[in-house]
Amino acid sequence: MKIVTLFIFLSFSIQMMATEIKVEQIKANGFEFTCRTIGSPSDGPAVILLHGFPETSHMWESTMQHLYEQGYYCIAPDMRGYSPNARPKGRKNYAVGMIAKDIVGIADAKELTDFHLMGHDWGSAIGWAVVGLYPQRVKSWLALSVPHLSALGKAVKYDATQKEMSSYAKVFQLSFLPEAVLKAKDYKRLKEACWYLSTPEQIVAYKEVFSGKRALTTCLHYYRKNWKQMIKIAEGLNISAVEIPTTLIWGNKDTALGRKSIEDSQQYMKGAYELVELDASHWLIQDKPKAVWKAIDAHLMKYK
């Protein structure tokens, strides 16, 4: 009896050790990316998770653990601008198409022929670019919070409600001032507006990245390079009729992205598409993790 108990304990301990999230450096597209991974490609279908601003891959840790337990191998990179060895100078180097190439390069480095893709905030914007430019690599696509880029671009330009909700993005177009304001008083504004649902551990991880050389500037370049020309960018991404199975998860308490662009996204979908509306804020994972995981699980099971 004692031997059986010991065997069960050791088996459980080994399993727990195997499910630890690792931080590793992956070379891709001429850069080196800090990535969180769990498991190995042989464990099951791969899922690549893309973070948004102002967060890092750390935001995905609980979700990665959950997905691993469902039989998936997960990679979550600190994207271009966030990883210390992937911070080229100049906003011209932060076009969504360039960053999409980084993501596919990371998949190549791990020898993944295809993968499920998931993104939040700017991670969703980059994900839409990956879907358009590399459709043969993406098995299915989960966009959290950010709608189809054509729908978003048109809403920002023509919808009064979305214009008002997006007014903060105009401030981010300025040089130097946004960095100073966001860093002031130990990132007080970010803590109040964005990190209020984050754990102390997550906040420490975010601050560690943003305190790095040029980090906050390179992260803001996503806005400076792409925001004003979102409609034109979308037209060049081959996403006018998306065939890849797609689920869009949106919180109806989101103060940055309104209903107009969310509902208009459907017109750009040619393949299987589902909109999941939650009673949640923009920060879906932190706000309603179980509801988000339920939607993720249903999507991945359908297209596994």
C-alpha atoms as a PDB file:
ATOM      1  CA  MET A   1       0.000   0.000   0.000  1.00  0.00           C
ATOM      2  CA  LYS A   2       2.809   2.379   0.886  1.00  0.00           C
ATOM      3  CA  ILE A   3       4.585   1.552  -2.383  1.00  0.00           C
ATOM      4  CA  VAL A   4       1.440   2.310  -4.401  1.00  0.00           C
ATOM      5  CA  THR A   5       0.959   5.589  -2.538  1.00  0.00           C
ATOM      6  CA  LEU A   6       4.585   6.532  -3.145  1.00  0.00           C
ATOM      7  CA  PHE A   7       4.262   5.695  -6.846  1.00  0.00           C
ATOM      8  CA  ILE A   8       1.159   7.873  -7.176  1.00  0.00           C
ATOM      9  CA  PHE A   9       2.900  10.726  -5.354  1.00  0.00           C
ATOM     10  CA  LEU A  10       5.996  10.483  -7.567  1.00  0.00           C
ATOM     11  CA  SER A  11       3.907  10.307 -10.736  1.00  0.00           C
ATOM     12  CA  PHE A  12       1.963  13.393  -9.664  1.00  0.00           C
ATOM     13  CA  SER A  13       5.195  15.228  -8.779  1.00  0.00           C
ATOM     14  CA  ILE A  14       6.760  14.422 -12.148  1.00  0.00           C
ATOM     15  CA  GLN A  15       3.612  15.597 -13.909  1.00  0.00           C
ATOM     16  CA  MET A  16       3.639  18.871 -11.973  1.00  0.00           C
ATOM     17  CA  MET A  17       7.308  19.432 -12.836  1.00  0.00           C
ATOM     18  CA  ALA A  18       6.535  18.799 -16.497  1.00  0.00           C
ATOM     19  CA  THR A  19       3.823  21.450 -16.538  1.00  0.00           C
ATOM     20  CA  GLU A  20       6.014  24.303 -15.366  1.00  0.00           C
ATOM     21  CA  ILE A  21       6.111  27.287 -17.681  1.00  0.00           C
ATOM     22  CA  LYS A  22       9.592  27.920 -18.997  1.00  0.00           C
ATOM     23  CA  VAL A  23      11.120  31.170 -20.213  1.00  0.00           C
ATOM     24  CA  GLU A  24      13.399  30.688 -23.196  1.00  0.00           C
ATOM     25  CA  GLN A  25      15.047  32.728 -25.923  1.00  0.00           C
ATOM     26  CA  ILE A  26      13.964  31.942 -29.482  1.00  0.00           C
ATOM     27  CA  LYS A  27      15.791  33.362 -32.501  1.00  0.00           C
ATOM     28  CA  ALA A  28      13.574  34.450 -35.376  1.00  0.00           C
ATOM     29  CA  ASN A  29      13.569  37.020 -38.175  1.00  0.00           C
ATOM     30  CA  GLY A  30      16.960  38.403 -37.128  1.00  0.00           C
ATOM     31  CA  PHE A  31      15.986  38.939 -33.481  1.00  0.00           C
ATOM     32  CA  GLU A  32      15.883  37.014 -30.233  1.00  0.00           C
ATOM     33  CA  PHE A  33      12.534  36.786 -28.473  1.00  0.00           C
ATOM     34  CA  THR A  34      11.839  36.076 -24.835  1.00  0.00           C
ATOM     35  CA  CYS A  35       9.126  33.413 -24.903  1.00  0.00           C
ATOM     36  CA  ARG A  36       7.105  31.547 -22.335  1.00  0.00           C
ATOM     37  CA  THR A  37       6.475  27.922 -23.256  1.00  0.00           C
ATOM     38  CA  ILE A  38       4.828  24.943 -21.654  1.00  0.00           C
ATOM     39  CA  GLY A  39       5.243  21.359 -22.771  1.00  0.00           C
ATOM     40  CA  SER A  40       6.772  20.329 -26.088  1.00  0.00           C
ATOM     41  CA  PRO A  41       5.476  20.094 -29.671  1.00  0.00           C
ATOM     42  CA  SER A  42       4.992  16.352 -29.199  1.00  0.00           C
ATOM     43  CA  ASP A  43       2.467  16.950 -26.402  1.00  0.00           C
ATOM     44  CA  GLY A  44      -0.312  17.999 -28.747  1.00  0.00           C
ATOM     45  CA  PRO A  45      -1.504  20.746 -31.117  1.00  0.00           C
ATOM     46  CA  ALA A  46       0.407  24.009 -30.784  1.00  0.00           C
ATOM     47  CA  VAL A  47      -1.169  27.272 -29.645  1.00  0.00           C
ATOM     48  CA  ILE A  48       0.659  30.595 -30.051  1.00  0.00           C
ATOM     49  CA  LEU A  49      -0.588  33.362 -27.751  1.00  0.00           C
ATOM     50  CA  LEU A  50       0.057  37.043 -28.496  1.00  0.00           C
ATOM     51  CA  HIS A  51      -0.148  39.708 -25.790  1.00  0.00           C
ATOM     52  CA  GLY A  52      -1.227  43.314 -26.124  1.00  0.00           C
ATOM     53  CA  PHE A  53      -0.284  46.679 -24.649  1.00  0.00           C
ATOM     54  CA  PRO A  54       0.595  47.394 -21.890  1.00  0.00           C
ATOM     55  CA  GLU A  55       1.212  43.752 -20.994  1.00  0.00           C
ATOM     56  CA  THR A  56       3.663  40.965 -21.843  1.00  0.00           C
ATOM     57  CA  SER A  57       3.527  37.209 -22.329  1.00  0.00           C
ATOM     58  CA  HIS A  58       3.162  36.962 -18.559  1.00  0.00           C
ATOM     59  CA  MET A  59      -0.558  37.761 -18.979  1.00  0.00           C
ATOM     60  CA  TRP A  60      -1.046  34.336 -20.568  1.00  0.00           C
ATOM     61  CA  GLU A  61       0.503  32.145 -17.858  1.00  0.00           C
ATOM     62  CA  SER A  62      -2.716  30.880 -16.278  1.00  0.00           C
ATOM     63  CA  THR A  63      -4.261  30.346 -19.712  1.00  0.00           C
ATOM     64  CA  MET A  64      -1.195  28.431 -20.895  1.00  0.00           C
ATOM     65  CA  GLN A  65      -1.393  26.186 -17.851  1.00  0.00           C
ATOM     66  CA  HIS A  66      -5.079  25.594 -18.552  1.00  0.00           C
ATOM     67  CA  LEU A  67      -4.443  24.787 -22.221  1.00  0.00           C
ATOM     68  CA  TYR A  68      -1.584  22.437 -21.404  1.00  0.00           C
ATOM     69  CA  GLU A  69      -3.913  20.485 -19.147  1.00  0.00           C
ATOM     70  CA  GLN A  70      -6.292  20.194 -22.123  1.00  0.00           C
ATOM     71  CA  GLY A  71      -3.515  18.663 -24.238  1.00  0.00           C
ATOM     72  CA  TYR A  72      -1.939  21.643 -26.033  1.00  0.00           C
ATOM     73  CA  TYR A  73       1.633  22.871 -26.418  1.00  0.00           C
ATOM     74  CA  CYS A  74       1.832  26.637 -25.890  1.00  0.00           C
ATOM     75  CA  ILE A  75       4.206  29.441 -26.876  1.00  0.00           C
ATOM     76  CA  ALA A  76       3.706  33.062 -25.797  1.00  0.00           C
ATOM     77  CA  PRO A  77       6.388  35.495 -27.002  1.00  0.00           C
ATOM     78  CA  ASP A  78       7.232  38.922 -25.689  1.00  0.00           C
ATOM     79  CA  MET A  79       6.767  40.514 -29.071  1.00  0.00           C
ATOM     80  CA  ARG A  80       8.906  42.939 -31.039  1.00  0.00           C
ATOM     81  CA  GLY A  81       9.557  46.019 -28.938  1.00  0.00           C
ATOM     82  CA  TYR A  82       9.053  44.087 -25.710  1.00  0.00           C
ATOM     83  CA  SER A  83      11.838  41.486 -25.910  1.00  0.00           C
ATOM     84  CA  PRO A  84      15.172  43.177 -25.034  1.00  0.00           C
ATOM     85  CA  ASN A  85      16.893  41.736 -28.104  1.00  0.00           C
ATOM     86  CA  ALA A  86      14.089  42.661 -30.484  1.00  0.00           C
ATOM     87  CA  ARG A  87      13.838  46.438 -30.164  1.00  0.00           C
ATOM     88  CA  PRO A  88      14.880  48.031 -33.457  1.00  0.00           C
ATOM     89  CA  LYS A  89      14.889  51.825 -33.455  1.00  0.00           C
ATOM     90  CA  GLY A  90      12.296  53.791 -35.408  1.00  0.00           C
ATOM     91  CA  ARG A  91       8.552  53.412 -35.770  1.00  0.00           C
ATOM     92  CA  LYS A  92       8.974  52.168 -39.344  1.00  0.00           C
ATOM     93  CA  ASN A  93      10.088  48.827 -37.889  1.00  0.00           C
ATOM     94  CA  TYR A  94       6.775  48.202 -36.123  1.00  0.00           C
ATOM     95  CA  ALA A  95       4.393  47.629 -39.014  1.00  0.00           C
ATOM     96  CA  VAL A  96       1.944  44.842 -38.224  1.00  0.00           C
ATOM     97  CA  GLY A  97       3.153  42.849 -41.227  1.00  0.00           C
ATOM     98  CA  MET A  98       6.726  42.855 -39.924  1.00  0.00           C
ATOM     99  CA  ILE A  99       5.602  41.671 -36.513  1.00  0.00           C
ATOM    100  CA  ALA A 100       3.453  38.968 -38.108  1.00  0.00           C
ATOM    101  CA  LYS A 101       6.609  37.684 -39.793  1.00  0.00           C
ATOM    102  CA  ASP A 102       8.258  37.478 -36.345  1.00  0.00           C
ATOM    103  CA  ILE A 103       5.470  35.209 -35.129  1.00  0.00           C
ATOM    104  CA  VAL A 104       5.785  32.833 -38.059  1.00  0.00           C
ATOM    105  CA  GLY A 105       9.565  32.880 -37.569  1.00  0.00           C
ATOM    106  CA  ILE A 106       9.089  31.753 -33.973  1.00  0.00           C
ATOM    107  CA  ALA A 107       6.865  28.926 -35.220  1.00  0.00           C
ATOM    108  CA  ASP A 108       9.556  27.987 -37.742  1.00  0.00           C
ATOM    109  CA  ALA A 109      12.189  27.926 -35.007  1.00  0.00           C
ATOM    110  CA  LYS A 110      10.037  25.390 -33.154  1.00  0.00           C
ATOM    111  CA  GLU A 111       9.422  23.455 -36.390  1.00  0.00           C
ATOM    112  CA  LEU A 112       5.669  23.986 -36.252  1.00  0.00           C
ATOM    113  CA  THR A 113       4.058  23.499 -39.645  1.00  0.00           C
ATOM    114  CA  ASP A 114       0.773  24.893 -38.355  1.00  0.00           C
ATOM    115  CA  PHE A 115      -0.722  26.195 -35.114  1.00  0.00           C
ATOM    116  CA  HIS A 116      -3.781  27.631 -33.449  1.00  0.00           C
ATOM    117  CA  LEU A 117      -3.426  31.373 -32.900  1.00  0.00           C
ATOM    118  CA  MET A 118      -4.772  33.555 -30.116  1.00  0.00           C
ATOM    119  CA  GLY A 119      -4.257  37.260 -29.426  1.00  0.00           C
ATOM    120  CA  HIS A 120      -5.445  40.062 -27.180  1.00  0.00           C
ATOM    121  CA  ASP A 121      -5.394  43.822 -27.850  1.00  0.00           C
ATOM    122  CA  TRP A 122      -2.414  44.540 -30.139  1.00  0.00           C
ATOM    123  CA  GLY A 123      -1.776  40.809 -30.089  1.00  0.00           C
ATOM    124  CA  SER A 124      -5.128  40.472 -31.852  1.00  0.00           C
ATOM    125  CA  ALA A 125      -4.151  43.111 -34.406  1.00  0.00           C
ATOM    126  CA  ILE A 126      -0.961  41.183 -35.144  1.00  0.00           C
ATOM    127  CA  GLY A 127      -2.961  37.960 -35.234  1.00  0.00           C
ATOM    128  CA  TRP A 128      -5.244  39.322 -37.951  1.00  0.00           C
ATOM    129  CA  ALA A 129      -2.092  40.093 -39.955  1.00  0.00           C
ATOM    130  CA  VAL A 130      -0.775  36.545 -39.482  1.00  0.00           C
ATOM    131  CA  VAL A 131      -4.139  35.161 -40.599  1.00  0.00           C
ATOM    132  CA  GLY A 132      -4.052  37.267 -43.755  1.00  0.00           C
ATOM    133  CA  LEU A 133      -0.400  36.865 -44.707  1.00  0.00           C
ATOM    134  CA  TYR A 134       0.187  33.253 -43.640  1.00  0.00           C
ATOM    135  CA  PRO A 135      -3.207  31.501 -43.830  1.00  0.00           C
ATOM    136  CA  GLN A 136      -1.641  28.132 -44.592  1.00  0.00           C
ATOM    137  CA  ARG A 137       0.023  28.135 -41.173  1.00  0.00           C
ATOM    138  CA  VAL A 138      -3.007  28.969 -39.012  1.00  0.00           C
ATOM    139  CA  LYS A 139      -5.384  26.129 -38.060  1.00  0.00           C
ATOM    140  CA  SER A 140      -7.793  28.423 -36.234  1.00  0.00           C
ATOM    141  CA  TRP A 141      -7.888  31.959 -34.875  1.00  0.00           C
ATOM    142  CA  LEU A 142      -9.135  33.431 -31.587  1.00  0.00           C
ATOM    143  CA  ALA A 143      -9.252  37.245 -31.406  1.00  0.00           C
ATOM    144  CA  LEU A 144      -9.775  38.725 -27.948  1.00  0.00           C
ATOM    145  CA  SER A 145     -11.173  42.279 -27.741  1.00  0.00           C
ATOM    146  CA  VAL A 146      -9.890  43.594 -31.084  1.00  0.00           C
ATOM    147  CA  PRO A 147     -12.166  43.114 -34.122  1.00  0.00           C
ATOM    148  CA  HIS A 148     -11.315  42.683 -37.781  1.00  0.00           C
ATOM    149  CA  LEU A 149      -8.911  45.479 -38.707  1.00  0.00           C
ATOM    150  CA  SER A 150     -11.043  46.821 -41.564  1.00  0.00           C
ATOM    151  CA  ALA A 151     -14.039  47.058 -39.247  1.00  0.00           C
ATOM    152  CA  LEU A 152     -11.905  48.746 -36.613  1.00  0.00           C
ATOM    153  CA  GLY A 153     -10.314  51.213 -39.014  1.00  0.00           C
ATOM    154  CA  LYS A 154     -13.671  52.265 -40.451  1.00  0.00           C
ATOM    155  CA  ALA A 155     -15.233  52.623 -37.011  1.00  0.00           C
ATOM    156  CA  VAL A 156     -12.353  54.797 -35.827  1.00  0.00           C
ATOM    157  CA  LYS A 157     -12.809  57.011 -38.881  1.00  0.00           C
ATOM    158  CA  TYR A 158     -16.602  57.165 -39.196  1.00  0.00           C
ATOM    159  CA  ASP A 159     -18.271  56.099 -35.927  1.00  0.00           C
ATOM    160  CA  ALA A 160     -18.599  58.902 -33.363  1.00  0.00           C
ATOM    161  CA  THR A 161     -18.664  56.555 -30.391  1.00  0.00           C
ATOM    162  CA  GLN A 162     -15.524  54.723 -31.469  1.00  0.00           C
ATOM    163  CA  LYS A 163     -13.761  58.002 -32.236  1.00  0.00           C
ATOM    164  CA  GLU A 164     -14.304  59.086 -28.664  1.00  0.00           C
ATOM    165  CA  MET A 165     -13.272  55.715 -27.255  1.00  0.00           C
ATOM    166  CA  SER A 166     -10.067  55.814 -29.309  1.00  0.00           C
ATOM    167  CA  SER A 167      -9.052  59.356 -28.359  1.00  0.00           C
ATOM    168  CA  TYR A 168      -6.241  58.025 -26.155  1.00  0.00           C
ATOM    169  CA  ALA A 169      -4.524  56.649 -29.271  1.00  0.00           C
ATOM    170  CA  LYS A 170      -4.075  60.199 -30.591  1.00  0.00           C
ATOM    171  CA  VAL A 171      -2.048  61.071 -27.510  1.00  0.00           C
ATOM    172  CA  PHE A 172       0.178  58.050 -28.113  1.00  0.00           C
ATOM    173  CA  GLN A 173       1.117  59.529 -31.510  1.00  0.00           C
ATOM    174  CA  LEU A 174       3.117  62.235 -29.728  1.00  0.00           C
ATOM    175  CA  SER A 175       6.824  61.785 -29.116  1.00  0.00           C
ATOM    176  CA  PHE A 176       8.308  61.574 -25.607  1.00  0.00           C
ATOM    177  CA  LEU A 177       5.275  62.908 -23.691  1.00  0.00           C
ATOM    178  CA  PRO A 178       3.335  59.602 -23.494  1.00  0.00           C
ATOM    179  CA  GLU A 179       6.411  57.797 -22.178  1.00  0.00           C
ATOM    180  CA  ALA A 180       6.910  60.388 -19.457  1.00  0.00           C
ATOM    181  CA  VAL A 181       3.255  60.367 -18.434  1.00  0.00           C
ATOM    182  CA  LEU A 182       2.981  56.570 -18.330  1.00  0.00           C
ATOM    183  CA  LYS A 183       6.178  56.158 -16.290  1.00  0.00           C
ATOM    184  CA  ALA A 184       5.298  58.910 -13.797  1.00  0.00           C
ATOM    185  CA  LYS A 185       4.755  57.964 -10.146  1.00  0.00           C
ATOM    186  CA  ASP A 186       5.759  54.353 -10.682  1.00  0.00           C
ATOM    187  CA  TYR A 187       3.409  53.778 -13.645  1.00  0.00           C
ATOM    188  CA  LYS A 188       0.421  55.166 -11.727  1.00  0.00           C
ATOM    189  CA  ARG A 189      -1.742  55.730 -14.818  1.00  0.00           C
ATOM    190  CA  LEU A 190      -1.161  52.222 -16.142  1.00  0.00           C
ATOM    191  CA  LYS A 191      -1.937  50.726 -12.750  1.00  0.00           C
ATOM    192  CA  GLU A 192      -5.224  52.634 -12.564  1.00  0.00           C
ATOM    193  CA  ALA A 193      -6.373  52.278 -16.173  1.00  0.00           C
ATOM    194  CA  CYS A 194      -4.965  48.938 -17.275  1.00  0.00           C
ATOM    195  CA  TRP A 195      -3.426  46.879 -14.488  1.00  0.00           C
ATOM    196  CA  TYR A 196      -6.164  47.213 -11.869  1.00  0.00           C
ATOM    197  CA  LEU A 197      -7.135  43.552 -12.383  1.00  0.00           C
ATOM    198  CA  SER A 198      -3.566  42.273 -12.729  1.00  0.00           C
ATOM    199  CA  THR A 199      -1.805  40.374  -9.961  1.00  0.00           C
ATOM    200  CA  PRO A 200       1.164  41.943  -8.141  1.00  0.00           C
ATOM    201  CA  GLU A 201       3.368  39.359  -9.859  1.00  0.00           C
ATOM    202  CA  GLN A 202       2.110  40.415 -13.284  1.00  0.00           C
ATOM    203  CA  ILE A 203       2.654  44.096 -12.536  1.00  0.00           C
ATOM    204  CA  VAL A 204       6.235  43.418 -11.464  1.00  0.00           C
ATOM    205  CA  ALA A 205       6.809  41.523 -14.722  1.00  0.00           C
ATOM    206  CA  TYR A 206       5.303  44.321 -16.827  1.00  0.00           C
ATOM    207  CA  LYS A 207       7.319  47.026 -15.085  1.00  0.00           C
ATOM    208  CA  GLU A 208      10.502  45.028 -15.562  1.00  0.00           C
ATOM    209  CA  VAL A 209       9.971  45.029 -19.322  1.00  0.00           C
ATOM    210  CA  PHE A 210       8.872  48.663 -19.645  1.00  0.00           C
ATOM    211  CA  SER A 211      11.790  49.907 -17.560  1.00  0.00           C
ATOM    212  CA  GLY A 212      14.190  48.438 -20.125  1.00  0.00           C
ATOM    213  CA  LYS A 213      16.102  50.613 -22.566  1.00  0.00           C
ATOM    214  CA  ARG A 214      13.742  52.166 -25.167  1.00  0.00           C
ATOM    215  CA  ALA A 215      11.073  49.594 -24.250  1.00  0.00           C
ATOM    216  CA  LEU A 216       8.124  51.891 -23.665  1.00  0.00           C
ATOM    217  CA  THR A 217       8.953  53.847 -26.818  1.00  0.00           C
ATOM    218  CA  THR A 218       9.221  50.744 -28.997  1.00  0.00           C
ATOM    219  CA  CYS A 219       5.952  49.399 -27.601  1.00  0.00           C
ATOM    220  CA  LEU A 220       4.167  52.687 -28.331  1.00  0.00           C
ATOM    221  CA  HIS A 221       5.466  52.504 -31.894  1.00  0.00           C
ATOM    222  CA  TYR A 222       2.679  49.982 -32.579  1.00  0.00           C
ATOM    223  CA  TYR A 223       0.295  52.941 -32.325  1.00  0.00           C
ATOM    224  CA  ARG A 224       2.591  55.427 -34.034  1.00  0.00           C
ATOM    225  CA  LYS A 225       3.198  53.269 -37.079  1.00  0.00           C
ATOM    226  CA  ASN A 226      -0.186  51.610 -37.576  1.00  0.00           C
ATOM    227  CA  TRP A 227      -3.101  53.401 -35.937  1.00  0.00           C
ATOM    228  CA  LYS A 228      -3.751  56.244 -38.396  1.00  0.00           C
ATOM    229  CA  GLN A 229      -3.622  53.996 -41.456  1.00  0.00           C
ATOM    230  CA  MET A 230      -5.534  50.957 -40.190  1.00  0.00           C
ATOM    231  CA  ILE A 231      -7.922  50.838 -43.165  1.00  0.00           C
ATOM    232  CA  LYS A 232      -5.058  50.929 -45.671  1.00  0.00           C
ATOM    233  CA  ILE A 233      -3.100  48.359 -43.675  1.00  0.00           C
ATOM    234  CA  ALA A 234      -6.066  45.994 -43.582  1.00  0.00           C
ATOM    235  CA  GLU A 235      -6.492  46.278 -47.347  1.00  0.00           C
ATOM    236  CA  GLY A 236      -2.943  45.019 -47.806  1.00  0.00           C
ATOM    237  CA  LEU A 237      -3.275  42.015 -45.496  1.00  0.00           C
ATOM    238  CA  ASN A 238      -5.581  39.807 -47.595  1.00  0.00           C
ATOM    239  CA  ILE A 239      -8.256  39.659 -44.888  1.00  0.00           C
ATOM    240  CA  SER A 240     -11.290  40.849 -46.847  1.00  0.00           C
ATOM    241  CA  ALA A 241     -12.759  37.323 -46.794  1.00  0.00           C
ATOM    242  CA  VAL A 242     -11.239  35.305 -43.950  1.00  0.00           C
ATOM    243  CA  GLU A 243     -11.651  31.555 -44.433  1.00  0.00           C
ATOM    244  CA  ILE A 244      -9.800  30.408 -41.300  1.00  0.00           C
ATOM    245  CA  PRO A 245     -12.170  29.343 -38.483  1.00  0.00           C
ATOM    246  CA  THR A 246     -12.440  32.412 -36.253  1.00  0.00           C
ATOM    247  CA  THR A 247     -13.888  33.229 -32.851  1.00  0.00           C
ATOM    248  CA  LEU A 248     -14.011  36.836 -31.644  1.00  0.00           C
ATOM    249  CA  ILE A 249     -14.391  37.272 -27.876  1.00  0.00           C
ATOM    250  CA  TRP A 250     -15.470  40.735 -26.726  1.00  0.00           C
ATOM    251  CA  GLY A 251     -16.414  42.247 -23.394  1.00  0.00           C
ATOM    252  CA  ASN A 252     -19.420  44.557 -23.589  1.00  0.00           C
ATOM    253  CA  LYS A 253     -17.902  46.755 -20.876  1.00  0.00           C
ATOM    254  CA  ASP A 254     -14.832  47.443 -23.016  1.00  0.00           C
ATOM    255  CA  THR A 255     -14.105  51.185 -22.893  1.00  0.00           C
ATOM    256  CA  ALA A 256     -11.657  51.095 -25.811  1.00  0.00           C
ATOM    257  CA  LEU A 257     -13.544  49.081 -28.430  1.00  0.00           C
ATOM    258  CA  GLY A 258     -17.224  49.610 -29.083  1.00  0.00           C
ATOM    259  CA  ARG A 259     -19.975  47.430 -30.499  1.00  0.00           C
ATOM    260  CA  LYS A 260     -19.945  48.908 -34.024  1.00  0.00           C
ATOM    261  CA  SER A 261     -16.620  47.407 -35.137  1.00  0.00           C
ATOM    262  CA  ILE A 262     -17.325  44.159 -33.305  1.00  0.00           C
ATOM    263  CA  GLU A 263     -20.609  43.547 -35.110  1.00  0.00           C
ATOM    264  CA  ASP A 264     -19.245  44.755 -38.459  1.00  0.00           C
ATOM    265  CA  SER A 265     -16.457  42.159 -38.341  1.00  0.00           C
ATOM    266  CA  GLN A 266     -18.795  39.418 -39.547  1.00  0.00           C
ATOM    267  CA  GLN A 267     -19.007  40.881 -43.052  1.00  0.00           C
ATOM    268  CA  TYR A 268     -15.327  40.038 -43.586  1.00  0.00           C
ATOM    269  CA  MET A 269     -15.728  36.366 -42.633  1.00  0.00           C
ATOM    270  CA  LYS A 270     -16.073  33.733 -45.332  1.00  0.00           C
ATOM    271  CA  GLY A 271     -15.345  30.702 -43.157  1.00  0.00           C
ATOM    272  CA  ALA A 272     -16.705  29.549 -39.809  1.00  0.00           C
ATOM    273  CA  TYR A 273     -17.152  32.503 -37.466  1.00  0.00           C
ATOM    274  CA  GLU A 274     -18.533  33.047 -33.985  1.00  0.00           C
ATOM    275  CA  LEU A 275     -18.844  36.134 -31.797  1.00  0.00           C
ATOM    276  CA  VAL A 276     -18.769  35.483 -28.060  1.00  0.00           C
ATOM    277  CA  GLU A 277     -19.989  38.465 -26.042  1.00  0.00           C
ATOM    278  CA  LEU A 278     -19.128  38.503 -22.351  1.00  0.00           C
ATOM    279  CA  ASP A 279     -20.180  40.765 -19.504  1.00  0.00           C
ATOM    280  CA  ALA A 280     -16.583  41.894 -19.079  1.00  0.00           C
ATOM    281  CA  SER A 281     -14.086  44.712 -19.569  1.00  0.00           C
ATOM    282  CA  HIS A 282     -11.290  45.005 -22.107  1.00  0.00           C
ATOM    283  CA  TRP A 283      -9.062  42.936 -19.814  1.00  0.00           C
ATOM    284  CA  LEU A 284     -10.879  39.704 -20.513  1.00  0.00           C
ATOM    285  CA  ILE A 285      -8.393  37.184 -19.128  1.00  0.00           C
ATOM    286  CA  GLN A 286      -8.074  38.965 -15.789  1.00  0.00           C
ATOM    287  CA  ASP A 287     -11.761  39.893 -15.567  1.00  0.00           C
ATOM    288  CA  LYS A 288     -13.570  36.680 -16.547  1.00  0.00           C
ATOM    289  CA  PRO A 289     -10.940  33.936 -16.981  1.00  0.00           C
ATOM    290  CA  LYS A 290     -13.313  30.978 -16.650  1.00  0.00           C
ATOM    291  CA  ALA A 291     -15.770  32.385 -19.188  1.00  0.00           C
ATOM    292  CA  VAL A 292     -12.931  33.131 -21.602  1.00  0.00           C
ATOM    293  CA  TRP A 293     -11.444  29.665 -21.138  1.00  0.00           C
ATOM    294  CA  LYS A 294     -14.838  28.104 -21.794  1.00  0.00           C
ATOM    295  CA  ALA A 295     -15.044  29.924 -25.129  1.00  0.00           C
ATOM    296  CA  ILE A 296     -11.434  29.057 -25.961  1.00  0.00           C
ATOM    297  CA  ASP A 297     -11.944  25.378 -25.122  1.00  0.00           C
ATOM    298  CA  ALA A 298     -15.078  25.157 -27.262  1.00  0.00           C
ATOM    299  CA  HIS A 299     -13.313  26.774 -30.211  1.00  0.00           C
ATOM    300  CA  LEU A 300     -10.175  24.643 -30.006  1.00  0.00           C
ATOM    301  CA  MET A 301     -12.119  21.417 -29.522  1.00  0.00           C
ATOM    302  CA  LYS A 302     -14.139  22.189 -32.643  1.00  0.00           C
ATOM    303  CA  TYR A 303     -11.059  22.806 -34.796  1.00  0.00           C
ATOM    304  CA  LYS A 304      -8.493  20.583 -33.067  1.00  0.00           C
END
